[in-house]
């Protein structure tokens, strides 16, 4: 994250139910691309993030 080039750690939820079971994802099977795209989609609307672990990291990077 800018300006200090900090790493933003976002890990997948550990739920028993997979949310992709009902939706076709064209990059399914490409774990690296899946991670990059999911973080990009999440951060595109960073003002809607409510997870305290993620928001605290973002706020730390703003200082």
N, C-alpha and C. Protein backbone atom coordinates (compact mmCIF):
# COMPACT_ATOMS: atom_id res chain seq x y z
N UNK A 1 0.85 -1.17 0.00
CA UNK A 1 0.00 0.00 0.00
C UNK A 1 0.89 1.22 0.00
N UNK A 2 0.47 2.19 -0.70
CA UNK A 2 1.21 3.45 -0.72
C UNK A 2 0.84 4.28 0.50
N UNK A 3 1.63 5.14 1.00
CA UNK A 3 2.90 5.61 0.46
C UNK A 3 4.11 4.81 0.96
N UNK A 4 3.94 3.90 1.91
CA UNK A 4 5.09 3.22 2.53
C UNK A 4 5.35 1.83 1.99
N UNK A 5 4.71 1.44 0.91
CA UNK A 5 4.89 0.13 0.29
C UNK A 5 4.62 -1.00 1.28
N UNK A 6 3.51 -0.89 2.03
CA UNK A 6 3.14 -1.90 3.02
C UNK A 6 2.35 -3.03 2.36
N UNK A 7 2.46 -4.23 2.91
CA UNK A 7 1.72 -5.39 2.42
C UNK A 7 0.36 -5.44 3.08
N UNK A 8 -0.68 -5.66 2.31
CA UNK A 8 -2.04 -5.80 2.83
C UNK A 8 -2.37 -7.29 2.85
N UNK A 9 -2.55 -7.83 4.05
CA UNK A 9 -2.83 -9.25 4.20
C UNK A 9 -4.33 -9.49 4.24
N UNK A 10 -4.84 -10.16 3.22
CA UNK A 10 -6.26 -10.53 3.16
C UNK A 10 -6.29 -12.02 2.86
N UNK A 11 -6.90 -12.79 3.76
CA UNK A 11 -6.99 -14.23 3.58
C UNK A 11 -8.43 -14.64 3.36
N UNK A 12 -8.66 -15.73 2.63
CA UNK A 12 -10.03 -16.20 2.40
C UNK A 12 -10.69 -16.64 3.70
N UNK A 13 -12.01 -16.48 3.76
CA UNK A 13 -12.76 -16.93 4.93
C UNK A 13 -12.69 -18.44 5.04
N UNK A 14 -12.76 -18.94 6.23
CA UNK A 14 -12.69 -20.39 6.45
C UNK A 14 -14.09 -20.98 6.61
N UNK A 15 -14.99 -20.64 5.74
CA UNK A 15 -16.35 -21.16 5.84
C UNK A 15 -16.43 -22.54 5.21
N UNK A 16 -17.36 -23.32 5.68
CA UNK A 16 -17.53 -24.68 5.15
C UNK A 16 -18.16 -24.64 3.76
N UNK A 17 -18.95 -23.62 3.50
CA UNK A 17 -19.64 -23.52 2.22
C UNK A 17 -18.84 -22.67 1.25
N UNK A 18 -18.61 -23.18 0.07
CA UNK A 18 -17.91 -22.42 -0.96
C UNK A 18 -18.90 -21.52 -1.67
N UNK A 19 -18.57 -20.25 -1.79
CA UNK A 19 -19.50 -19.32 -2.43
C UNK A 19 -19.42 -19.39 -3.94
N UNK A 20 -18.46 -20.14 -4.49
CA UNK A 20 -18.35 -20.25 -5.94
C UNK A 20 -19.04 -21.48 -6.51
N UNK A 21 -19.66 -22.29 -5.65
CA UNK A 21 -20.31 -23.50 -6.12
C UNK A 21 -21.47 -23.21 -7.07
N UNK A 22 -22.10 -22.08 -6.94
CA UNK A 22 -23.29 -21.76 -7.72
C UNK A 22 -23.01 -20.79 -8.86
N UNK A 23 -21.78 -20.31 -8.96
CA UNK A 23 -21.45 -19.30 -9.95
C UNK A 23 -20.26 -19.77 -10.79
N UNK A 24 -20.37 -19.63 -12.11
CA UNK A 24 -19.25 -19.97 -12.97
C UNK A 24 -18.22 -18.86 -12.92
N UNK A 25 -17.00 -19.21 -12.61
CA UNK A 25 -15.91 -18.24 -12.58
C UNK A 25 -14.91 -18.64 -13.66
N UNK A 26 -14.70 -17.78 -14.66
CA UNK A 26 -13.86 -18.17 -15.79
C UNK A 26 -12.40 -18.45 -15.44
N UNK A 27 -11.92 -17.98 -14.31
CA UNK A 27 -10.53 -18.22 -13.92
C UNK A 27 -10.44 -19.28 -12.82
N UNK A 28 -11.52 -20.06 -12.64
CA UNK A 28 -11.54 -21.11 -11.63
C UNK A 28 -10.40 -22.10 -11.88
N UNK A 29 -9.69 -22.45 -10.85
CA UNK A 29 -8.55 -23.35 -10.98
C UNK A 29 -7.22 -22.62 -10.99
N UNK A 30 -7.24 -21.32 -11.26
CA UNK A 30 -6.02 -20.51 -11.24
C UNK A 30 -6.01 -19.75 -9.92
N UNK A 31 -5.44 -20.37 -8.90
CA UNK A 31 -5.49 -19.80 -7.55
C UNK A 31 -4.83 -18.42 -7.47
N UNK A 32 -3.70 -18.24 -8.13
CA UNK A 32 -3.01 -16.95 -8.08
C UNK A 32 -3.85 -15.84 -8.67
N UNK A 33 -4.42 -16.07 -9.84
CA UNK A 33 -5.27 -15.06 -10.47
C UNK A 33 -6.51 -14.81 -9.64
N UNK A 34 -7.06 -15.87 -9.06
CA UNK A 34 -8.24 -15.73 -8.21
C UNK A 34 -7.97 -14.81 -7.03
N UNK A 35 -6.81 -14.97 -6.40
CA UNK A 35 -6.44 -14.13 -5.25
C UNK A 35 -6.28 -12.68 -5.67
N UNK A 36 -5.57 -12.45 -6.75
CA UNK A 36 -5.35 -11.09 -7.23
C UNK A 36 -6.67 -10.40 -7.57
N UNK A 37 -7.51 -11.10 -8.32
CA UNK A 37 -8.79 -10.49 -8.72
C UNK A 37 -9.72 -10.27 -7.54
N UNK A 38 -9.76 -11.20 -6.60
CA UNK A 38 -10.65 -11.02 -5.45
C UNK A 38 -10.21 -9.83 -4.60
N UNK A 39 -8.89 -9.64 -4.44
CA UNK A 39 -8.40 -8.48 -3.70
C UNK A 39 -8.71 -7.18 -4.46
N UNK A 40 -8.57 -7.21 -5.78
CA UNK A 40 -8.85 -6.02 -6.58
C UNK A 40 -10.32 -5.63 -6.47
N UNK A 41 -11.22 -6.62 -6.57
CA UNK A 41 -12.65 -6.33 -6.45
C UNK A 41 -12.99 -5.80 -5.06
N UNK A 42 -12.37 -6.37 -4.05
CA UNK A 42 -12.61 -5.93 -2.67
C UNK A 42 -12.14 -4.49 -2.49
N UNK A 43 -10.93 -4.21 -2.94
CA UNK A 43 -10.35 -2.88 -2.72
C UNK A 43 -10.92 -1.81 -3.63
N UNK A 44 -11.58 -2.21 -4.71
CA UNK A 44 -12.24 -1.23 -5.59
C UNK A 44 -13.34 -0.49 -4.83
N UNK A 45 -13.89 -1.14 -3.82
CA UNK A 45 -14.92 -0.51 -2.99
C UNK A 45 -14.47 -0.53 -1.53
N UNK A 46 -13.25 -0.03 -1.30
CA UNK A 46 -12.68 -0.10 0.04
C UNK A 46 -13.46 0.68 1.10
N UNK A 47 -14.28 1.63 0.67
CA UNK A 47 -15.08 2.37 1.62
C UNK A 47 -16.21 1.53 2.21
N UNK A 48 -16.48 0.36 1.64
CA UNK A 48 -17.54 -0.53 2.14
C UNK A 48 -16.99 -1.69 2.97
N UNK A 49 -15.69 -1.76 3.16
CA UNK A 49 -15.09 -2.85 3.94
C UNK A 49 -15.40 -2.63 5.42
N UNK A 50 -15.91 -3.69 6.07
CA UNK A 50 -16.25 -3.60 7.49
C UNK A 50 -15.39 -4.51 8.36
N UNK A 51 -14.63 -5.40 7.76
CA UNK A 51 -13.78 -6.31 8.52
C UNK A 51 -12.69 -5.51 9.23
N UNK A 52 -12.65 -5.64 10.57
CA UNK A 52 -11.71 -4.84 11.37
C UNK A 52 -10.25 -5.15 11.07
N UNK A 53 -9.95 -6.39 10.73
CA UNK A 53 -8.57 -6.76 10.43
C UNK A 53 -8.08 -6.02 9.19
N UNK A 54 -8.93 -5.94 8.19
CA UNK A 54 -8.55 -5.26 6.95
C UNK A 54 -8.55 -3.75 7.13
N UNK A 55 -9.57 -3.20 7.77
CA UNK A 55 -9.63 -1.74 7.94
C UNK A 55 -8.48 -1.22 8.80
N UNK A 56 -8.07 -2.00 9.80
CA UNK A 56 -6.94 -1.55 10.63
C UNK A 56 -5.66 -1.50 9.84
N UNK A 57 -5.48 -2.45 8.91
CA UNK A 57 -4.28 -2.43 8.06
C UNK A 57 -4.31 -1.22 7.12
N UNK A 58 -5.47 -0.93 6.57
CA UNK A 58 -5.59 0.21 5.65
C UNK A 58 -5.31 1.51 6.41
N UNK A 59 -5.89 1.65 7.61
CA UNK A 59 -5.67 2.85 8.40
C UNK A 59 -4.21 3.01 8.80
N UNK A 60 -3.55 1.88 9.09
CA UNK A 60 -2.13 1.92 9.46
C UNK A 60 -1.29 2.44 8.28
N UNK A 61 -1.70 2.09 7.07
CA UNK A 61 -0.97 2.52 5.89
C UNK A 61 -1.17 3.99 5.56
N UNK A 62 -2.24 4.59 6.07
CA UNK A 62 -2.55 5.99 5.80
C UNK A 62 -1.66 6.92 6.59
N UNK A 63 -1.23 6.49 7.75
CA UNK A 63 -0.42 7.35 8.64
C UNK A 63 0.76 7.94 7.98
